[in-house]
Amino acid sequence: MRLLPAVVLGYLAIVRGPDVEEPKLSAGLTRPAIAEIDQALGIALAPEAPAFDEKLDTPRRLVTTNGRVVSLPNGCRTVEEPYDLVLHFHGAPTAVEPVFERSNIDGVLAILNLGTGSGRYDSAFQPAGALEAAVARVQAVVRDLCPGASNGVRRIALSAWSAGYGAVFRILDRPEGAARVDAVLLADGLHAGFEYGAKRERRVSVDQMAPFMAFADEAVGRRKLFAVTHSAITTPYASTTETADFLLSQVGAERRPVVEAPIRSGMAAGSRADAGDFHVTGFPGGNEAAHCDHLFAMGETLLPYLKERWTAPVVP
C-alpha cells in the first residue's frame, strides 16, 4: 500500500486548524508509506522505513497435504515479533489467498481444508487442545519459512465459509477456545439443527447456537469481533438466514434494509444489522453460485472489519 504525499498534505490542510493536536497516523499504514509521508511533510512522524530486504519482505508460502496452506503475504518481517493469525476453514486457497492479500492485514494466514461436510471440521476440533495443536503446527511452519520468527501468536481470528463453521463451533464451545479467539468471520456458513420436535416450526436449536450466542454477546460489548454474511438459500436444517435472525433476536439488534452497489455480479447487500462489534449482512440469492460468492467476496464483506480492529490504536 502506498499513499500519495500530495493527498496526505491536502487532507491535513483541510482538517487541521490552528489549535488542533498533531494528527496520529493509523497503525495500519505500512512502514514505507509512513516514511513517504514523513518525507513529504519534512518532519519525523515515524521511524524511517527500512530498505527492502529480500529475506524479510518477500512473501512466503508453504503448501502442505490436503489443501492446507500457510501464507505470509508481507514476508518474514511480519513474524519478527508475536504475530496475528487468521485460521480459515474450508475454501480453495486460490480463492482465499488473494482475498487475504488484498485486505492488507499484516498477519499470517493458515487455510485448512478437511473435506466436505461440517462434521469433518467438528470432529477434527472436538478433542481438548485441538486449537492449540493447530496453532502450534502453524508456528512450526512459520519457523521453517522464517528461521528468525517469534514463537508467539498474538491474536487469533477464525474465518470460515460454508461447512468450515463446524470447526468454529467446536472451538468456541470450549471456554478456553472462546477466550483465546479474538474474532470470528463466517461467510454464509452458520447452520444448526432445530429444537427436538419443532422441525415444522423451524425453531433453531438453542444448544447448537449457544457458543455463537456467547461470542455475539462479547462482540456487542466490543470485547470480540463477530461478523456474519448470509445468503437467502433455503435448507432442510436451519439456514444461514435463520441462524443470523436467531442471533440478532438474542442480542436485541434489528436489521435495516439497504440499497448498495453490487460487490460481485448479482451480489448486493439487502440488509444490515450492527450492535457494537457484532455485524450481520444479508444478501439475496438462493443457489450454489450465490453461496460461492460469499467466499470470493470476503475481502469486501468480512475482512475489512478485522483490518479495522487489528489496526486500531490500543486503548489502555
Protein backbone atom coordinates (compact mmCIF):
# COMPACT_ATOMS: atom_id res chain seq x y z
CA MET A 1 0.00 0.00 0.00
CA ARG A 2 1.37 3.43 -0.93
CA LEU A 3 -0.16 6.81 -0.09
CA LEU A 4 0.39 9.86 -2.25
CA PRO A 5 2.07 12.62 -0.26
CA ALA A 6 0.06 15.27 -2.07
CA VAL A 7 -3.18 13.65 -0.96
CA VAL A 8 -2.00 13.47 2.64
CA LEU A 9 -0.89 17.09 2.62
CA GLY A 10 -4.22 18.17 1.15
CA TYR A 11 -6.09 16.27 3.82
CA LEU A 12 -4.07 17.76 6.67
CA ALA A 13 -4.54 21.26 5.25
CA ILE A 14 -8.30 20.81 5.32
CA VAL A 15 -8.82 19.16 8.71
CA ARG A 16 -6.09 20.82 10.79
CA GLY A 17 -6.92 24.11 12.46
CA PRO A 18 -4.60 26.42 14.38
CA ASP A 19 -5.02 24.60 17.73
CA VAL A 20 -5.60 21.06 16.53
CA GLU A 21 -3.41 18.34 18.05
CA GLU A 22 -0.83 16.76 15.77
CA PRO A 23 -2.56 14.04 13.69
CA LYS A 24 -1.89 10.43 14.68
CA LEU A 25 -1.09 8.04 11.89
CA SER A 26 -3.00 4.79 11.65
CA ALA A 27 -1.20 1.71 12.88
CA GLY A 28 -2.36 0.04 9.70
CA LEU A 29 0.00 2.03 7.46
CA THR A 30 2.97 0.14 6.15
CA ARG A 31 6.39 1.45 7.13
CA PRO A 32 7.27 2.51 3.57
CA ALA A 33 4.02 4.51 3.41
CA ILE A 34 4.71 6.24 6.72
CA ALA A 35 8.26 7.07 5.63
CA GLU A 36 6.92 8.58 2.41
CA ILE A 37 4.55 10.79 4.40
CA ASP A 38 7.42 11.85 6.66
CA GLN A 39 9.50 12.89 3.67
CA ALA A 40 6.62 14.84 2.18
CA LEU A 41 5.87 16.70 5.41
CA GLY A 42 9.52 17.25 6.29
CA ILE A 43 9.03 16.18 9.89
CA ALA A 44 9.72 12.96 11.77
CA LEU A 45 6.26 11.49 12.29
CA ALA A 46 7.57 7.90 12.28
CA PRO A 47 10.80 5.92 12.07
CA GLU A 48 12.40 5.74 8.67
CA ALA A 49 11.27 2.67 6.76
CA PRO A 50 13.94 0.01 6.34
CA ALA A 51 15.22 -0.71 2.87
CA PHE A 52 13.64 -3.68 1.12
CA ASP A 53 15.19 -6.88 2.34
CA GLU A 54 14.54 -9.94 0.19
CA LYS A 55 14.95 -12.23 3.21
CA LEU A 56 12.38 -10.30 5.22
CA ASP A 57 9.94 -8.71 2.77
CA THR A 58 9.43 -11.38 0.10
CA PRO A 59 6.09 -13.22 0.51
CA ARG A 60 6.41 -16.70 1.98
CA ARG A 61 4.09 -19.64 1.37
CA LEU A 62 4.03 -23.34 2.12
CA VAL A 63 1.52 -25.85 0.80
CA THR A 64 1.11 -29.00 2.87
CA THR A 65 -1.07 -32.04 2.28
CA ASN A 66 -4.85 -32.00 1.83
CA GLY A 67 -5.09 -28.42 0.63
CA ARG A 68 -3.54 -26.84 3.72
CA VAL A 69 -1.65 -23.60 3.20
CA VAL A 70 0.37 -21.25 5.41
CA SER A 71 0.92 -17.86 3.81
CA LEU A 72 2.81 -14.71 4.82
CA PRO A 73 1.88 -12.14 2.15
CA ASN A 74 4.15 -9.47 3.67
CA GLY A 75 7.09 -11.77 4.28
CA CYS A 76 9.11 -12.64 7.36
CA ARG A 77 9.08 -9.10 8.76
CA THR A 78 5.50 -9.87 9.85
CA VAL A 79 6.69 -12.53 12.30
CA GLU A 80 9.78 -10.86 13.80
CA GLU A 81 7.62 -10.21 16.87
CA PRO A 82 4.47 -12.00 18.16
CA TYR A 83 2.10 -12.00 15.19
CA ASP A 84 -1.59 -12.17 14.38
CA LEU A 85 -3.00 -15.35 12.86
CA VAL A 86 -6.09 -15.97 10.73
CA LEU A 87 -7.21 -19.61 10.66
CA HIS A 88 -9.53 -20.10 7.71
CA PHE A 89 -11.62 -23.25 7.41
CA HIS A 90 -12.93 -24.52 4.05
CA GLY A 91 -12.30 -22.83 0.74
CA ALA A 92 -9.89 -23.20 -2.16
CA PRO A 93 -6.57 -21.43 -1.47
CA THR A 94 -6.79 -19.91 -4.95
CA ALA A 95 -9.84 -18.02 -3.69
CA VAL A 96 -8.84 -17.34 -0.09
CA GLU A 97 -5.23 -16.22 -0.50
CA PRO A 98 -5.84 -13.36 -2.98
CA VAL A 99 -8.68 -12.07 -0.82
CA PHE A 100 -6.45 -12.03 2.25
CA GLU A 101 -3.57 -10.39 0.38
CA ARG A 102 -5.85 -7.60 -0.86
CA SER A 103 -7.09 -6.99 2.69
CA ASN A 104 -3.59 -5.75 3.65
CA ILE A 105 -3.86 -7.41 7.05
CA ASP A 106 -0.32 -7.76 8.35
CA GLY A 107 -0.54 -11.29 9.69
CA VAL A 108 -0.26 -14.97 8.90
CA LEU A 109 -2.97 -16.85 7.03
CA ALA A 110 -3.46 -20.58 7.51
CA ILE A 111 -6.04 -22.42 5.37
CA LEU A 112 -7.38 -25.80 6.47
CA ASN A 113 -9.48 -27.92 4.13
CA LEU A 114 -10.72 -31.15 5.68
CA GLY A 115 -13.25 -32.29 3.08
CA THR A 116 -16.98 -31.92 2.56
CA GLY A 117 -19.49 -31.58 5.35
CA SER A 118 -19.28 -29.69 8.62
CA GLY A 119 -18.91 -32.95 10.55
CA ARG A 120 -15.30 -33.36 9.46
CA TYR A 121 -14.40 -29.96 10.87
CA ASP A 122 -16.42 -30.53 14.03
CA SER A 123 -14.72 -33.88 14.68
CA ALA A 124 -11.23 -32.57 14.00
CA PHE A 125 -11.56 -29.89 16.69
CA GLN A 126 -13.56 -31.86 19.21
CA PRO A 127 -10.58 -33.12 21.27
CA ALA A 128 -9.34 -30.88 24.05
CA GLY A 129 -6.35 -28.83 22.96
CA ALA A 130 -7.16 -29.09 19.23
CA LEU A 131 -6.92 -25.34 18.68
CA GLU A 132 -3.58 -25.11 20.47
CA ALA A 133 -2.28 -28.04 18.41
CA ALA A 134 -3.37 -26.37 15.17
CA VAL A 135 -1.68 -23.12 16.17
CA ALA A 136 1.49 -24.98 17.12
CA ARG A 137 1.60 -26.62 13.68
CA VAL A 138 1.27 -23.23 12.04
CA GLN A 139 4.04 -21.85 14.24
CA ALA A 140 6.32 -24.72 13.19
CA VAL A 141 5.68 -23.97 9.51
CA VAL A 142 6.31 -20.26 10.09
CA ARG A 143 9.65 -21.04 11.72
CA ASP A 144 10.57 -23.19 8.72
CA LEU A 145 9.69 -20.34 6.38
CA CYS A 146 11.29 -17.68 8.57
CA PRO A 147 14.03 -19.09 10.84
CA GLY A 148 14.10 -15.93 12.95
CA ALA A 149 10.35 -15.92 13.60
CA SER A 150 8.92 -15.21 17.02
CA ASN A 151 7.43 -18.14 18.91
CA GLY A 152 4.42 -16.08 19.97
CA VAL A 153 0.99 -15.72 18.37
CA ARG A 154 -0.73 -12.56 19.49
CA ARG A 155 -4.34 -12.53 18.25
CA ILE A 156 -6.30 -15.29 16.53
CA ALA A 157 -9.20 -14.86 14.12
CA LEU A 158 -11.31 -17.80 12.96
CA SER A 159 -12.63 -17.46 9.44
CA ALA A 160 -14.91 -19.96 7.72
CA TRP A 161 -17.03 -20.43 4.65
CA SER A 162 -19.79 -22.99 4.28
CA ALA A 163 -19.05 -26.26 6.13
CA GLY A 164 -15.98 -24.78 7.83
CA TYR A 165 -18.21 -23.36 10.55
CA GLY A 166 -18.11 -26.82 12.19
CA ALA A 167 -14.56 -26.14 13.38
CA VAL A 168 -15.53 -22.70 14.68
CA PHE A 169 -18.48 -24.18 16.60
CA ARG A 170 -16.30 -26.75 18.30
CA ILE A 171 -13.53 -24.24 19.17
CA LEU A 172 -15.99 -21.73 20.65
CA ASP A 173 -17.76 -24.49 22.54
CA ARG A 174 -14.75 -24.74 24.86
CA PRO A 175 -14.27 -21.79 27.25
CA GLU A 176 -10.51 -21.77 26.70
CA GLY A 177 -11.03 -21.72 22.93
CA ALA A 178 -13.54 -18.87 23.04
CA ALA A 179 -11.22 -16.91 25.34
CA ARG A 180 -8.23 -17.36 23.01
CA VAL A 181 -10.09 -16.23 19.87
CA ASP A 182 -10.30 -12.50 19.18
CA ALA A 183 -12.52 -12.54 16.09
CA VAL A 184 -14.88 -14.79 14.14
CA LEU A 185 -15.80 -14.24 10.48
CA LEU A 186 -18.46 -16.53 8.95
CA ALA A 187 -19.27 -16.38 5.23
CA ASP A 188 -22.66 -17.99 4.53
CA GLY A 189 -21.87 -20.94 6.73
CA LEU A 190 -23.64 -20.79 10.08
CA HIS A 191 -26.12 -23.67 10.21
CA ALA A 192 -27.83 -25.52 13.04
CA GLY A 193 -30.50 -28.12 13.69
CA PHE A 194 -33.95 -27.49 15.10
CA GLU A 195 -35.28 -27.96 18.60
CA TYR A 196 -36.48 -31.51 19.19
CA GLY A 197 -39.95 -31.95 17.74
CA ALA A 198 -40.00 -28.40 16.33
CA LYS A 199 -38.82 -29.02 12.78
CA ARG A 200 -42.14 -27.90 11.28
CA GLU A 201 -41.96 -24.72 13.30
CA ARG A 202 -38.29 -24.33 12.36
CA ARG A 203 -37.22 -23.32 15.85
CA VAL A 204 -33.43 -23.10 15.84
CA SER A 205 -31.63 -25.30 18.36
CA VAL A 206 -30.55 -23.19 21.32
CA ASP A 207 -27.91 -25.72 22.35
CA GLN A 208 -26.24 -25.71 18.94
CA MET A 209 -26.26 -21.92 18.82
CA ALA A 210 -25.05 -21.42 22.40
CA PRO A 211 -21.33 -20.92 21.59
CA PHE A 212 -22.19 -18.39 18.90
CA MET A 213 -24.67 -16.62 21.20
CA ALA A 214 -21.99 -16.20 23.86
CA PHE A 215 -19.48 -14.87 21.33
CA ALA A 216 -22.07 -12.46 19.91
CA ASP A 217 -22.64 -11.07 23.41
CA GLU A 218 -18.90 -10.48 23.73
CA ALA A 219 -18.86 -8.74 20.36
CA VAL A 220 -21.76 -6.48 21.28
CA GLY A 221 -19.64 -5.35 24.21
CA ARG A 222 -16.70 -4.82 21.79
CA ARG A 223 -14.57 -7.37 23.61
CA LYS A 224 -14.58 -9.54 20.48
CA LEU A 225 -15.39 -9.16 16.77
CA PHE A 226 -18.12 -11.31 15.21
CA ALA A 227 -19.12 -10.69 11.59
CA VAL A 228 -21.53 -12.82 9.54
CA THR A 229 -22.77 -12.80 5.97
CA HIS A 230 -25.62 -14.95 4.70
CA SER A 231 -27.48 -15.73 1.51
CA ALA A 232 -31.19 -16.49 1.10
CA ILE A 233 -30.73 -20.21 0.45
CA THR A 234 -33.40 -22.45 2.00
CA THR A 235 -32.11 -25.64 3.63
CA PRO A 236 -33.74 -28.62 5.38
CA TYR A 237 -31.88 -27.59 8.55
CA ALA A 238 -31.68 -24.07 9.94
CA SER A 239 -30.46 -21.83 7.14
CA THR A 240 -27.84 -19.12 7.43
CA THR A 241 -30.68 -16.57 7.37
CA GLU A 242 -32.45 -18.30 10.26
CA THR A 243 -29.32 -18.60 12.39
CA ALA A 244 -28.47 -14.93 11.76
CA ASP A 245 -32.01 -13.91 12.74
CA PHE A 246 -31.72 -16.04 15.87
CA LEU A 247 -28.51 -14.30 16.95
CA LEU A 248 -29.94 -10.87 16.22
CA SER A 249 -33.00 -11.63 18.32
CA GLN A 250 -30.78 -12.73 21.20
CA VAL A 251 -28.71 -9.54 21.25
CA GLY A 252 -31.67 -7.27 20.53
CA ALA A 253 -30.41 -5.93 17.19
CA GLU A 254 -32.64 -5.20 14.21
CA ARG A 255 -31.97 -5.36 10.51
CA ARG A 256 -32.23 -2.32 8.33
CA PRO A 257 -32.82 -2.57 4.58
CA VAL A 258 -30.01 -1.22 2.43
CA VAL A 259 -29.52 -0.48 -1.24
CA GLU A 260 -25.88 -0.77 -2.23
CA ALA A 261 -23.80 -1.27 -5.34
CA PRO A 262 -23.11 -4.94 -6.14
CA ILE A 263 -19.91 -6.40 -4.71
CA ARG A 264 -19.94 -9.07 -7.39
CA SER A 265 -22.28 -9.56 -10.33
CA GLY A 266 -25.72 -10.00 -8.81
CA MET A 267 -24.42 -9.83 -5.23
CA ALA A 268 -25.64 -6.69 -3.50
CA ALA A 269 -26.41 -6.45 0.22
CA GLY A 270 -30.11 -6.29 1.07
CA SER A 271 -29.91 -5.78 4.83
CA ARG A 272 -27.51 -4.93 7.62
CA ALA A 273 -27.55 -5.12 11.39
CA ASP A 274 -24.88 -3.87 13.76
CA ALA A 275 -24.53 -3.94 17.53
CA GLY A 276 -21.13 -3.00 18.88
CA ASP A 277 -18.67 -5.25 17.05
CA PHE A 278 -21.34 -7.75 16.01
CA HIS A 279 -22.25 -7.35 12.33
CA VAL A 280 -24.69 -9.22 10.09
CA THR A 281 -25.07 -8.57 6.37
CA GLY A 282 -27.80 -10.29 4.38
CA PHE A 283 -27.71 -10.95 0.65
CA PRO A 284 -30.30 -12.30 -1.78
CA GLY A 285 -29.52 -15.34 -3.88
CA GLY A 286 -30.68 -18.89 -3.40
CA ASN A 287 -28.41 -21.08 -5.49
CA GLU A 288 -24.92 -22.56 -5.44
CA ALA A 289 -23.40 -19.62 -7.29
CA ALA A 290 -24.79 -17.22 -4.69
CA HIS A 291 -23.32 -19.38 -1.94
CA CYS A 292 -19.87 -19.37 -3.56
CA ASP A 293 -20.00 -15.60 -3.94
CA HIS A 294 -19.65 -15.26 -0.18
CA LEU A 295 -16.21 -16.87 -0.27
CA PHE A 296 -14.91 -14.66 -3.06
CA ALA A 297 -16.41 -11.52 -1.50
CA MET A 298 -14.86 -11.87 1.95
CA GLY A 299 -12.39 -9.13 1.11
CA GLU A 300 -15.28 -6.68 0.79
CA THR A 301 -17.70 -8.08 3.37
CA LEU A 302 -15.80 -9.50 6.35
CA LEU A 303 -12.05 -8.84 6.30
CA PRO A 304 -12.43 -5.03 6.47
CA TYR A 305 -13.90 -5.44 9.96
CA LEU A 306 -10.85 -7.42 11.01
CA LYS A 307 -8.47 -4.97 9.37
CA GLU A 308 -10.07 -2.11 11.27
CA ARG A 309 -9.96 -3.96 14.59
CA TRP A 310 -6.37 -5.12 14.29
CA THR A 311 -5.03 -1.72 13.20
CA ALA A 312 -6.97 0.40 15.67
CA PRO A 313 -4.88 2.04 18.41
CA VAL A 314 -4.87 0.03 21.61
CA VAL A 315 -6.79 1.92 24.31
CA PRO A 316 -5.26 1.38 27.76
